[in-house]
Structures are given as structure tokens and as C-alpha cells.
């Protein structure tokens, strides 16, 4: 199991605290193919 992150979304925006942000840092030394898995859970109001 690799790294993961759960962030709530409301009105098409990430819901984070005042001092929170999502940062992606890549420490690889060469190009790689990446895949992103996105799971949406909830209901539409």
C-alpha cells in the first residue's frame, strides 16, 4: 500500500483548514509513468 490522502470536497473546492494545503513533492531522479486512482463517495443534494 502506497501513500494516500483523503480530502473532503465541497462546492468543487478542497475543504482544508486555514493553515492546511496539499503539496506534492517528487523525489524521483527520472521520468516515470504515474496513475491516479480517484474514488468519489457521498451523495448529491
PDB file of N, CA and C in Angstrom:
ATOM      1  N   UNK A   1       0.856  -1.164   0.000  1.00  0.00           N
ATOM      2  CA  UNK A   1       0.000   0.000   0.000  1.00  0.00           C
ATOM      3  C   UNK A   1       0.905   1.230   0.000  1.00  0.00           C
ATOM      4  N   UNK A   2       0.682   2.115  -0.960  1.00  0.00           N
ATOM      5  CA  UNK A   2       1.481   3.332  -1.069  1.00  0.00           C
ATOM      6  C   UNK A   2       0.834   4.499  -0.336  1.00  0.00           C
ATOM      7  N   UNK A   3       1.383   5.675  -0.527  1.00  0.00           N
ATOM      8  CA  UNK A   3       0.831   6.864   0.123  1.00  0.00           C
ATOM      9  C   UNK A   3      -0.594   7.146  -0.351  1.00  0.00           C
ATOM     10  N   UNK A   4      -1.398   7.719   0.519  1.00  0.00           N
ATOM     11  CA  UNK A   4      -2.752   8.096   0.142  1.00  0.00           C
ATOM     12  C   UNK A   4      -3.149   9.355   0.903  1.00  0.00           C
ATOM     13  N   UNK A   5      -4.206   9.991   0.435  1.00  0.00           N
ATOM     14  CA  UNK A   5      -4.677  11.225   1.054  1.00  0.00           C
ATOM     15  C   UNK A   5      -6.184  11.305   0.876  1.00  0.00           C
ATOM     16  N   UNK A   6      -6.884  11.669   1.931  1.00  0.00           N
ATOM     17  CA  UNK A   6      -8.332  11.884   1.858  1.00  0.00           C
ATOM     18  C   UNK A   6      -8.607  13.337   2.204  1.00  0.00           C
ATOM     19  N   UNK A   7      -9.251  14.046   1.281  1.00  0.00           N
ATOM     20  CA  UNK A   7      -9.585  15.453   1.500  1.00  0.00           C
ATOM     21  C   UNK A   7     -11.031  15.653   1.076  1.00  0.00           C
ATOM     22  N   UNK A   8     -11.861  16.214   1.955  1.00  0.00           N
ATOM     23  CA  UNK A   8     -13.242  16.461   1.567  1.00  0.00           C
ATOM     24  C   UNK A   8     -13.343  17.570   0.521  1.00  0.00           C
ATOM     25  N   UNK A   9     -14.362  17.470  -0.339  1.00  0.00           N
ATOM     26  CA  UNK A   9     -14.613  18.478  -1.376  1.00  0.00           C
ATOM     27  C   UNK A   9     -16.028  18.990  -1.190  1.00  0.00           C
ATOM     28  N   UNK A  10     -16.169  20.308  -1.212  1.00  0.00           N
ATOM     29  CA  UNK A  10     -17.493  20.926  -1.114  1.00  0.00           C
ATOM     30  C   UNK A  10     -17.570  22.053  -2.137  1.00  0.00           C
ATOM     31  N   UNK A  11     -18.619  22.099  -2.916  1.00  0.00           N
ATOM     32  CA  UNK A  11     -18.794  23.129  -3.949  1.00  0.00           C
ATOM     33  C   UNK A  11     -17.594  23.197  -4.886  1.00  0.00           C
ATOM     34  N   UNK A  12     -17.085  22.038  -5.296  1.00  0.00           N
ATOM     35  CA  UNK A  12     -15.972  21.899  -6.243  1.00  0.00           C
ATOM     36  C   UNK A  12     -14.663  22.476  -5.724  1.00  0.00           C
ATOM     37  N   UNK A  13     -14.494  22.560  -4.402  1.00  0.00           N
ATOM     38  CA  UNK A  13     -13.251  23.057  -3.805  1.00  0.00           C
ATOM     39  C   UNK A  13     -12.816  22.117  -2.680  1.00  0.00           C
ATOM     40  N   UNK A  14     -11.499  21.994  -2.489  1.00  0.00           N
ATOM     41  CA  UNK A  14     -10.996  21.208  -1.370  1.00  0.00           C
ATOM     42  C   UNK A  14     -11.350  21.908  -0.064  1.00  0.00           C
ATOM     43  N   UNK A  15     -11.789  21.133   0.916  1.00  0.00           N
ATOM     44  CA  UNK A  15     -12.117  21.696   2.226  1.00  0.00           C
ATOM     45  C   UNK A  15     -10.924  21.427   3.141  1.00  0.00           C
ATOM     46  N   UNK A  16     -10.104  22.445   3.327  1.00  0.00           N
ATOM     47  CA  UNK A  16      -8.934  22.342   4.194  1.00  0.00           C
ATOM     48  C   UNK A  16      -9.016  23.419   5.262  1.00  0.00           C
ATOM     49  N   UNK A  17      -8.253  23.272   6.316  1.00  0.00           N
ATOM     50  CA  UNK A  17      -8.223  24.269   7.375  1.00  0.00           C
ATOM     51  C   UNK A  17      -7.458  25.510   6.940  1.00  0.00           C
ATOM     52  N   UNK A  18      -7.436  26.495   7.806  1.00  0.00           N
ATOM     53  CA  UNK A  18      -6.782  27.771   7.498  1.00  0.00           C
ATOM     54  C   UNK A  18      -5.327  27.580   7.114  1.00  0.00           C
ATOM     55  N   UNK A  19      -4.590  26.725   7.817  1.00  0.00           N
ATOM     56  CA  UNK A  19      -3.152  26.565   7.591  1.00  0.00           C
ATOM     57  C   UNK A  19      -2.821  25.277   6.858  1.00  0.00           C
ATOM     58  N   UNK A  20      -3.809  24.619   6.267  1.00  0.00           N
ATOM     59  CA  UNK A  20      -3.575  23.349   5.576  1.00  0.00           C
ATOM     60  C   UNK A  20      -3.518  23.544   4.071  1.00  0.00           C
ATOM     61  N   UNK A  21      -2.681  22.752   3.416  1.00  0.00           N
ATOM     62  CA  UNK A  21      -2.626  22.709   1.960  1.00  0.00           C
ATOM     63  C   UNK A  21      -2.131  21.342   1.534  1.00  0.00           C
ATOM     64  N   UNK A  22      -2.360  21.005   0.292  1.00  0.00           N
ATOM     65  CA  UNK A  22      -1.896  19.736  -0.257  1.00  0.00           C
ATOM     66  C   UNK A  22      -0.674  20.040  -1.122  1.00  0.00           C
ATOM     67  N   UNK A  23       0.445  19.381  -0.816  1.00  0.00           N
ATOM     68  CA  UNK A  23       1.694  19.602  -1.541  1.00  0.00           C
ATOM     69  C   UNK A  23       2.179  18.262  -2.083  1.00  0.00           C
ATOM     70  N   UNK A  24       2.548  18.233  -3.357  1.00  0.00           N
ATOM     71  CA  UNK A  24       3.082  17.027  -3.978  1.00  0.00           C
ATOM     72  C   UNK A  24       4.550  17.272  -4.273  1.00  0.00           C
ATOM     73  N   UNK A  25       5.410  16.416  -3.741  1.00  0.00           N
ATOM     74  CA  UNK A  25       6.853  16.530  -3.954  1.00  0.00           C
ATOM     75  C   UNK A  25       7.335  15.250  -4.612  1.00  0.00           C
ATOM     76  N   UNK A  26       8.068  15.388  -5.698  1.00  0.00           N
ATOM     77  CA  UNK A  26       8.575  14.244  -6.439  1.00  0.00           C
ATOM     78  C   UNK A  26      10.088  14.146  -6.235  1.00  0.00           C
ATOM     79  N   UNK A  27      10.551  13.075  -5.583  1.00  0.00           N
ATOM     80  CA  UNK A  27      11.981  12.881  -5.320  1.00  0.00           C
ATOM     81  C   UNK A  27      12.626  11.880  -6.271  1.00  0.00           C
ATOM     82  N   UNK A  28      11.911  11.482  -7.320  1.00  0.00           N
ATOM     83  CA  UNK A  28      12.484  10.540  -8.286  1.00  0.00           C
ATOM     84  C   UNK A  28      13.555  11.236  -9.117  1.00  0.00           C
ATOM     85  N   UNK A  29      14.486  10.453  -9.624  1.00  0.00           N
ATOM     86  CA  UNK A  29      15.564  11.027 -10.423  1.00  0.00           C
ATOM     87  C   UNK A  29      15.356  10.846 -11.924  1.00  0.00           C
ATOM     88  N   UNK A  30      14.195  10.424 -12.341  1.00  0.00           N
ATOM     89  CA  UNK A  30      13.914  10.251 -13.764  1.00  0.00           C
ATOM     90  C   UNK A  30      12.428  10.240 -14.026  1.00  0.00           C
ATOM     91  N   UNK A  31      12.047  10.395 -15.278  1.00  0.00           N
ATOM     92  CA  UNK A  31      10.615  10.384 -15.602  1.00  0.00           C
ATOM     93  C   UNK A  31       9.996   9.001 -15.375  1.00  0.00           C
ATOM     94  N   UNK A  32       8.786   8.991 -14.908  1.00  0.00           N
ATOM     95  CA  UNK A  32       8.055   7.758 -14.653  1.00  0.00           C
ATOM     96  C   UNK A  32       6.615   7.949 -15.120  1.00  0.00           C
ATOM     97  N   UNK A  33       5.961   6.869 -15.491  1.00  0.00           N
ATOM     98  CA  UNK A  33       4.527   6.920 -15.766  1.00  0.00           C
ATOM     99  C   UNK A  33       3.806   6.807 -14.435  1.00  0.00           C
ATOM    100  N   UNK A  34       2.804   7.638 -14.236  1.00  0.00           N
ATOM    101  CA  UNK A  34       2.038   7.654 -12.996  1.00  0.00           C
ATOM    102  C   UNK A  34       0.572   7.369 -13.279  1.00  0.00           C
ATOM    103  N   UNK A  35      -0.096   6.792 -12.322  1.00  0.00           N
ATOM    104  CA  UNK A  35      -1.540   6.640 -12.393  1.00  0.00           C
ATOM    105  C   UNK A  35      -2.138   7.221 -11.124  1.00  0.00           C
ATOM    106  N   UNK A  36      -3.305   7.774 -11.259  1.00  0.00           N
ATOM    107  CA  UNK A  36      -4.010   8.336 -10.111  1.00  0.00           C
ATOM    108  C   UNK A  36      -5.339   7.608  -9.989  1.00  0.00           C
ATOM    109  N   UNK A  37      -5.641   7.122  -8.798  1.00  0.00           N
ATOM    110  CA  UNK A  37      -6.925   6.471  -8.534  1.00  0.00           C
ATOM    111  C   UNK A  37      -7.788   7.453  -7.737  1.00  0.00           C
ATOM    112  N   UNK A  38      -8.938   7.769  -8.259  1.00  0.00           N
ATOM    113  CA  UNK A  38      -9.849   8.714  -7.614  1.00  0.00           C
ATOM    114  C   UNK A  38     -11.128   7.981  -7.245  1.00  0.00           C
ATOM    115  N   UNK A  39     -11.504   8.034  -5.979  1.00  0.00           N
ATOM    116  CA  UNK A  39     -12.725   7.408  -5.509  1.00  0.00           C
ATOM    117  C   UNK A  39     -13.629   8.484  -4.946  1.00  0.00           C
ATOM    118  N   UNK A  40     -14.831   8.600  -5.491  1.00  0.00           N
ATOM    119  CA  UNK A  40     -15.814   9.559  -5.012  1.00  0.00           C
ATOM    120  C   UNK A  40     -16.863   8.824  -4.208  1.00  0.00           C
ATOM    121  N   UNK A  41     -17.093   9.298  -2.992  1.00  0.00           N
ATOM    122  CA  UNK A  41     -18.082   8.677  -2.116  1.00  0.00           C
ATOM    123  C   UNK A  41     -18.972   9.776  -1.572  1.00  0.00           C
ATOM    124  N   UNK A  42     -20.241   9.548  -1.563  1.00  0.00           N
ATOM    125  CA  UNK A  42     -21.160  10.549  -0.996  1.00  0.00           C
ATOM    126  C   UNK A  42     -22.469  10.569  -1.744  1.00  0.00           C
ATOM    127  N   UNK A  43     -23.166  11.692  -1.578  1.00  0.00           N
ATOM    128  CA  UNK A  43     -24.458  11.824  -2.225  1.00  0.00           C
ATOM    129  C   UNK A  43     -24.622  13.228  -2.770  1.00  0.00           C
ATOM    130  N   UNK A  44     -25.443  13.360  -3.777  1.00  0.00           N
ATOM    131  CA  UNK A  44     -25.744  14.653  -4.355  1.00  0.00           C
ATOM    132  C   UNK A  44     -26.975  15.212  -3.695  1.00  0.00           C
ATOM    133  N   UNK A  45     -26.907  16.479  -3.393  1.00  0.00           N
ATOM    134  CA  UNK A  45     -28.054  17.104  -2.716  1.00  0.00           C
ATOM    135  C   UNK A  45     -28.779  18.015  -3.668  1.00  0.00           C
TER     136      UNK A  45
END
